């Protein structure tokens, strides 16, 4: 198997071997040739399995598309052979794609990471739910600010503004409800100043 830059390396893993850990730099993506891989996230000291990657499937690509660190760890569920696709190879393939395709890929990656971040905060109160909506809208707005060509008509920005307006109404409603569950989402994922604001709660 080849990509721009030469042949791809294959690696053998035994059951229980770690392919990469959460927090590692994303220097390659992987394709499962034989066996299966489990994707795990450590939550409250326990490993939660997020996905099972089977023969022919790709994993580990998000970290090399957006340059961030691994958000989970990958473990061999059985003896397996995986193909290493270096970041340079992925970059070469993306470079051949039309700008709109690259933009859509980045939007999807950003959205998935935002969903992951909000999920790991484990929203449990009504206030948290509104904050999660605001955080998602803000993430999309930031991406469009970085990539204006992705929204030439301005329709996406108008839709995001509508979400903010509805979130403001929800914020006011939630503030008047007696929810015994404490908020767990902190200010790091709260909407920016001037938007809906962090929903009130009793926690």
Protein backbone atom coordinates (compact mmCIF):
# COMPACT_ATOMS: atom_id res chain seq x y z
CA UNK A 1 0.00 0.00 0.00
CA UNK A 2 1.31 3.43 -0.95
CA UNK A 3 0.55 7.12 -0.40
CA UNK A 4 2.52 10.16 -1.50
CA UNK A 5 5.92 9.74 0.07
CA UNK A 6 6.31 5.97 -0.25
CA UNK A 7 5.19 2.65 1.15
CA UNK A 8 3.13 2.44 4.31
CA UNK A 9 4.47 0.60 7.34
CA UNK A 10 2.54 -2.27 8.92
CA UNK A 11 2.67 -3.08 12.63
CA UNK A 12 1.64 -6.19 14.59
CA UNK A 13 -0.06 -5.87 17.97
CA UNK A 14 -1.02 -8.49 20.53
CA UNK A 15 -4.26 -8.39 22.49
CA UNK A 16 -4.06 -5.61 25.07
CA UNK A 17 -1.27 -3.70 23.34
CA UNK A 18 -1.70 0.08 23.26
CA UNK A 19 -1.50 1.75 19.84
CA UNK A 20 -1.64 5.28 21.23
CA UNK A 21 -2.63 6.98 24.47
CA UNK A 22 -4.89 9.91 25.24
CA UNK A 23 -2.81 13.10 25.08
CA UNK A 24 -0.26 11.71 22.60
CA UNK A 25 0.67 13.81 19.59
CA UNK A 26 -1.15 12.80 16.43
CA UNK A 27 1.63 11.76 14.07
CA UNK A 28 -0.24 9.08 12.10
CA UNK A 29 -3.62 7.60 11.27
CA UNK A 30 -4.19 3.86 11.08
CA UNK A 31 -6.08 1.31 9.01
CA UNK A 32 -7.00 -2.08 10.49
CA UNK A 33 -5.78 -4.89 8.21
CA UNK A 34 -6.62 -7.79 10.54
CA UNK A 35 -8.22 -7.99 13.98
CA UNK A 36 -10.00 -5.17 15.79
CA UNK A 37 -9.14 -2.09 17.84
CA UNK A 38 -11.01 -0.59 20.78
CA UNK A 39 -11.15 3.16 21.35
CA UNK A 40 -11.35 3.99 25.06
CA UNK A 41 -11.74 7.07 27.23
CA UNK A 42 -10.87 7.11 30.92
CA UNK A 43 -13.80 8.51 32.91
CA UNK A 44 -13.69 8.68 36.71
CA UNK A 45 -10.86 6.14 36.76
CA UNK A 46 -12.64 3.59 34.56
CA UNK A 47 -12.12 2.89 30.86
CA UNK A 48 -15.23 3.56 28.78
CA UNK A 49 -15.20 1.94 25.32
CA UNK A 50 -16.32 4.48 22.74
CA UNK A 51 -15.96 2.43 19.57
CA UNK A 52 -14.70 -0.78 17.97
CA UNK A 53 -12.63 -0.36 14.80
CA UNK A 54 -12.75 -3.37 12.47
CA UNK A 55 -10.97 -4.58 9.33
CA UNK A 56 -10.72 -1.92 6.64
CA UNK A 57 -11.65 0.96 8.94
CA UNK A 58 -9.58 4.07 9.62
CA UNK A 59 -8.92 5.52 13.08
CA UNK A 60 -6.73 8.18 14.66
CA UNK A 61 -7.22 10.60 11.78
CA UNK A 62 -8.77 13.49 13.70
CA UNK A 63 -5.58 14.36 15.58
CA UNK A 64 -3.58 14.75 12.38
CA UNK A 65 -6.27 16.71 10.54
CA UNK A 66 -6.54 19.44 13.16
CA UNK A 67 -3.15 19.07 14.86
CA UNK A 68 -4.57 18.45 18.33
CA UNK A 69 -3.62 15.69 20.76
CA UNK A 70 -5.31 12.31 20.95
CA UNK A 71 -8.60 12.56 22.82
CA UNK A 72 -8.79 8.83 23.62
CA UNK A 73 -6.56 5.76 23.64
CA UNK A 74 -6.55 2.84 21.21
CA UNK A 75 -6.04 -0.75 22.37
CA UNK A 76 -5.80 -4.02 20.41
CA UNK A 77 -8.83 -6.16 21.28
CA UNK A 78 -7.14 -9.19 19.71
CA UNK A 79 -4.05 -9.94 17.66
CA UNK A 80 -4.10 -7.48 14.80
CA UNK A 81 -2.12 -5.90 11.99
CA UNK A 82 -2.55 -2.19 11.34
CA UNK A 83 -1.26 0.03 8.56
CA UNK A 84 0.39 3.29 9.65
CA UNK A 85 -0.59 6.29 7.51
CA UNK A 86 1.84 9.12 8.42
CA UNK A 87 0.55 12.65 8.85
CA UNK A 88 2.49 13.73 5.75
CA UNK A 89 0.54 11.20 3.71
CA UNK A 90 -2.80 12.48 4.99
CA UNK A 91 -1.71 16.07 4.32
CA UNK A 92 -0.73 15.14 0.76
CA UNK A 93 -4.13 13.52 0.15
CA UNK A 94 -6.01 16.50 1.60
CA UNK A 95 -3.96 18.91 -0.51
CA UNK A 96 -5.44 17.32 -3.63
CA UNK A 97 -9.01 17.96 -2.51
CA UNK A 98 -11.05 21.04 -3.47
CA UNK A 99 -11.02 23.79 -0.81
CA UNK A 100 -14.69 23.22 0.02
CA UNK A 101 -14.08 19.53 0.76
CA UNK A 102 -11.19 20.40 3.07
CA UNK A 103 -13.36 22.98 4.81
CA UNK A 104 -16.20 20.49 5.31
CA UNK A 105 -13.77 17.95 6.75
CA UNK A 106 -12.46 20.53 9.21
CA UNK A 107 -16.01 21.52 10.20
CA UNK A 108 -16.82 17.89 10.93
CA UNK A 109 -13.65 17.39 12.97
CA UNK A 110 -14.24 20.58 14.97
CA UNK A 111 -17.86 19.61 15.59
CA UNK A 112 -16.91 16.11 16.74
CA UNK A 113 -14.30 17.46 19.13
CA UNK A 114 -16.77 19.99 20.52
CA UNK A 115 -19.36 17.27 21.07
CA UNK A 116 -16.70 15.18 22.80
CA UNK A 117 -15.62 18.06 25.06
CA UNK A 118 -19.18 18.87 26.06
CA UNK A 119 -19.98 15.20 26.63
CA UNK A 120 -16.97 14.73 28.90
CA UNK A 121 -18.28 17.59 31.04
CA UNK A 122 -21.27 15.30 31.62
CA UNK A 123 -24.03 17.93 31.64
CA UNK A 124 -26.73 16.91 34.08
CA UNK A 125 -28.73 20.04 34.91
CA UNK A 126 -31.07 22.07 32.73
CA UNK A 127 -28.59 24.92 32.94
CA UNK A 128 -25.82 22.66 31.64
CA UNK A 129 -27.95 21.68 28.66
CA UNK A 130 -28.44 25.31 27.65
CA UNK A 131 -24.74 26.01 28.14
CA UNK A 132 -23.89 23.07 25.87
CA UNK A 133 -26.12 24.51 23.13
CA UNK A 134 -24.38 27.88 23.43
CA UNK A 135 -20.93 26.29 23.38
CA UNK A 136 -21.74 24.35 20.21
CA UNK A 137 -23.00 27.47 18.45
CA UNK A 138 -19.93 29.42 19.52
CA UNK A 139 -17.59 26.71 18.20
CA UNK A 140 -19.28 26.92 14.79
CA UNK A 141 -19.06 30.71 14.82
CA UNK A 142 -15.33 30.60 15.58
CA UNK A 143 -14.75 28.18 12.73
CA UNK A 144 -16.64 30.37 10.26
CA UNK A 145 -14.60 33.37 11.39
CA UNK A 146 -11.44 31.44 10.56
CA UNK A 147 -12.82 30.12 7.26
CA UNK A 148 -15.11 32.78 5.76
CA UNK A 149 -15.21 30.99 2.40
CA UNK A 150 -17.23 28.22 4.02
CA UNK A 151 -20.24 30.55 4.42
CA UNK A 152 -20.17 33.00 1.51
CA UNK A 153 -23.93 33.61 1.69
CA UNK A 154 -23.88 34.29 5.43
CA UNK A 155 -26.71 31.81 5.97
CA UNK A 156 -24.80 29.75 8.54
CA UNK A 157 -24.04 32.84 10.63
CA UNK A 158 -27.69 33.88 10.54
CA UNK A 159 -28.71 30.43 11.75
CA UNK A 160 -26.16 30.57 14.57
CA UNK A 161 -27.52 33.97 15.62
CA UNK A 162 -30.99 32.40 15.75
CA UNK A 163 -29.66 29.65 18.02
CA UNK A 164 -28.20 32.32 20.32
CA UNK A 165 -31.53 34.15 20.43
CA UNK A 166 -33.41 30.98 21.35
CA UNK A 167 -30.75 30.08 23.91
CA UNK A 168 -31.24 33.46 25.59
CA UNK A 169 -34.95 32.70 26.01
CA UNK A 170 -34.15 29.22 27.34
CA UNK A 171 -31.62 30.73 29.76
CA UNK A 172 -34.30 33.01 31.21
CA UNK A 173 -36.77 30.13 31.51
CA UNK A 174 -34.27 27.79 33.15
CA UNK A 175 -33.28 30.47 35.64
CA UNK A 176 -36.81 30.39 37.03
CA UNK A 177 -37.02 26.62 37.41
CA UNK A 178 -36.10 24.68 40.53
CA UNK A 179 -33.64 22.06 39.26
CA UNK A 180 -32.07 20.06 42.14
CA UNK A 181 -29.18 18.94 39.94
CA UNK A 182 -26.01 21.02 40.14
CA UNK A 183 -24.36 22.50 37.05
CA UNK A 184 -21.08 20.79 36.13
CA UNK A 185 -20.06 22.64 32.95
CA UNK A 186 -17.61 25.38 33.88
CA UNK A 187 -16.93 28.77 32.33
CA UNK A 188 -14.41 27.30 29.88
CA UNK A 189 -17.31 26.03 27.76
CA UNK A 190 -19.77 28.81 28.52
CA UNK A 191 -20.91 31.15 25.71
CA UNK A 192 -18.92 34.34 25.13
CA UNK A 193 -19.82 37.64 26.73
CA UNK A 194 -22.72 39.30 24.98
CA UNK A 195 -24.38 36.02 24.06
CA UNK A 196 -26.79 33.98 26.12
CA UNK A 197 -24.51 33.84 29.16
CA UNK A 198 -23.95 30.97 31.52
CA UNK A 199 -27.31 29.60 32.66
CA UNK A 200 -28.14 30.04 36.30
CA UNK A 201 -28.47 27.06 38.55
CA UNK A 202 -28.38 26.10 42.16
CA UNK A 203 -24.96 24.43 41.95
